[in-house]
């Protein structure tokens, strides 16, 4: 059992399923955004949703796995730092794309000119 069990009216109210459901919904929304969007900024937001769903999974399994260490939290902080760096590089590429082509539509960007 989890150490952080909340009881309400004699029933255990803290289960793993709501966290996994939220994570799967976020992951599905992120995949949908990456596949269907043509705007580079919307694709970047979809990638961020996917990374946030992975963070929720890390924290959930760390909490419900009864681990004595905080491995899930460490991985989550690492993913957040990685997402910040990825967003900075991606936004720089998007700004360069807009400057060269005049749009952020990824279908119109056939090649990057140096």
Protein backbone atom coordinates (compact mmCIF):
# COMPACT_ATOMS: atom_id res chain seq x y z
CA UNK A 1 0.00 0.00 0.00
CA UNK A 2 0.94 3.59 -0.49
CA UNK A 3 2.24 5.66 2.39
CA UNK A 4 0.06 8.59 1.35
CA UNK A 5 -3.36 7.00 1.62
CA UNK A 6 -6.28 9.35 2.15
CA UNK A 7 -9.35 7.83 3.74
CA UNK A 8 -12.79 9.35 3.30
CA UNK A 9 -15.85 7.66 4.78
CA UNK A 10 -13.84 4.50 5.45
CA UNK A 11 -12.82 4.05 1.79
CA UNK A 12 -9.38 4.45 0.33
CA UNK A 13 -9.53 7.38 -2.10
CA UNK A 14 -6.02 7.38 -3.55
CA UNK A 15 -5.55 5.03 -6.48
CA UNK A 16 -3.04 4.88 -9.31
CA UNK A 17 -5.67 4.77 -12.07
CA UNK A 18 -6.67 8.48 -12.12
CA UNK A 19 -3.05 9.52 -12.51
CA UNK A 20 -2.46 7.06 -15.32
CA UNK A 21 -5.71 8.11 -17.00
CA UNK A 22 -4.68 11.78 -16.86
CA UNK A 23 -1.27 10.89 -18.24
CA UNK A 24 -2.73 8.86 -21.10
CA UNK A 25 -5.16 11.64 -21.99
CA UNK A 26 -2.33 14.19 -22.08
CA UNK A 27 -0.19 11.83 -24.14
CA UNK A 28 -3.02 11.22 -26.62
CA UNK A 29 -3.68 14.95 -26.96
CA UNK A 30 0.03 15.55 -27.55
CA UNK A 31 0.27 12.87 -30.23
CA UNK A 32 -2.86 14.25 -31.90
CA UNK A 33 -1.38 17.75 -31.91
CA UNK A 34 1.93 16.59 -33.36
CA UNK A 35 0.29 14.54 -36.11
CA UNK A 36 -2.47 16.93 -37.20
CA UNK A 37 -1.02 20.42 -36.82
CA UNK A 38 0.86 22.27 -39.54
CA UNK A 39 1.91 25.19 -37.38
CA UNK A 40 5.35 24.68 -35.85
CA UNK A 41 4.37 26.31 -32.54
CA UNK A 42 1.36 23.99 -32.18
CA UNK A 43 3.60 20.99 -32.84
CA UNK A 44 5.97 22.24 -30.15
CA UNK A 45 3.07 22.49 -27.70
CA UNK A 46 2.12 18.90 -28.55
CA UNK A 47 5.64 17.76 -27.74
CA UNK A 48 5.42 19.57 -24.41
CA UNK A 49 2.18 17.71 -23.62
CA UNK A 50 3.91 14.41 -24.33
CA UNK A 51 6.78 15.31 -22.02
CA UNK A 52 4.37 16.39 -19.26
CA UNK A 53 2.54 13.08 -19.49
CA UNK A 54 5.87 11.30 -19.03
CA UNK A 55 6.53 13.47 -15.96
CA UNK A 56 3.19 12.48 -14.46
CA UNK A 57 4.06 8.82 -15.01
CA UNK A 58 7.46 9.24 -13.34
CA UNK A 59 5.93 10.86 -10.27
CA UNK A 60 3.03 8.38 -10.12
CA UNK A 61 5.16 5.27 -10.25
CA UNK A 62 7.61 6.75 -7.77
CA UNK A 63 4.77 7.46 -5.35
CA UNK A 64 2.88 4.19 -5.69
CA UNK A 65 5.96 2.01 -6.00
CA UNK A 66 6.94 2.64 -2.36
CA UNK A 67 10.48 3.53 -3.30
CA UNK A 68 12.65 4.99 -0.59
CA UNK A 69 14.51 7.20 -3.07
CA UNK A 70 13.14 10.02 -5.17
CA UNK A 71 14.13 8.66 -8.57
CA UNK A 72 10.88 9.72 -10.23
CA UNK A 73 11.31 13.28 -9.02
CA UNK A 74 14.91 13.40 -10.25
CA UNK A 75 13.88 12.14 -13.68
CA UNK A 76 11.06 14.70 -13.76
CA UNK A 77 13.41 17.58 -13.00
CA UNK A 78 15.74 16.29 -15.72
CA UNK A 79 12.87 16.12 -18.24
CA UNK A 80 11.74 19.66 -17.32
CA UNK A 81 15.27 20.98 -17.90
CA UNK A 82 15.47 19.07 -21.17
CA UNK A 83 12.08 20.46 -22.26
CA UNK A 84 13.23 24.01 -21.52
CA UNK A 85 16.34 23.56 -23.65
CA UNK A 86 14.31 21.89 -26.39
CA UNK A 87 11.79 24.75 -26.39
CA UNK A 88 14.55 27.35 -26.65
CA UNK A 89 16.21 25.61 -29.61
CA UNK A 90 12.89 24.90 -31.32
CA UNK A 91 11.73 28.49 -30.97
CA UNK A 92 15.03 29.70 -32.44
CA UNK A 93 14.50 27.37 -35.40
CA UNK A 94 10.90 28.58 -35.77
CA UNK A 95 12.01 32.24 -35.73
CA UNK A 96 14.65 31.46 -38.36
CA UNK A 97 12.04 29.63 -40.43
CA UNK A 98 9.69 32.61 -40.27
CA UNK A 99 12.48 35.01 -41.18
CA UNK A 100 13.53 32.97 -44.24
CA UNK A 101 10.16 31.75 -45.52
CA UNK A 102 7.62 34.15 -44.01
CA UNK A 103 5.45 31.47 -42.40
CA UNK A 104 5.66 28.87 -39.65
CA UNK A 105 3.73 26.30 -41.68
CA UNK A 106 5.92 23.19 -41.65
CA UNK A 107 4.51 21.91 -44.95
CA UNK A 108 5.85 24.98 -46.76
CA UNK A 109 9.31 24.57 -45.28
CA UNK A 110 10.91 22.21 -47.76
CA UNK A 111 14.53 23.07 -47.10
CA UNK A 112 16.48 25.30 -44.75
CA UNK A 113 18.80 27.72 -46.49
CA UNK A 114 21.99 28.62 -44.69
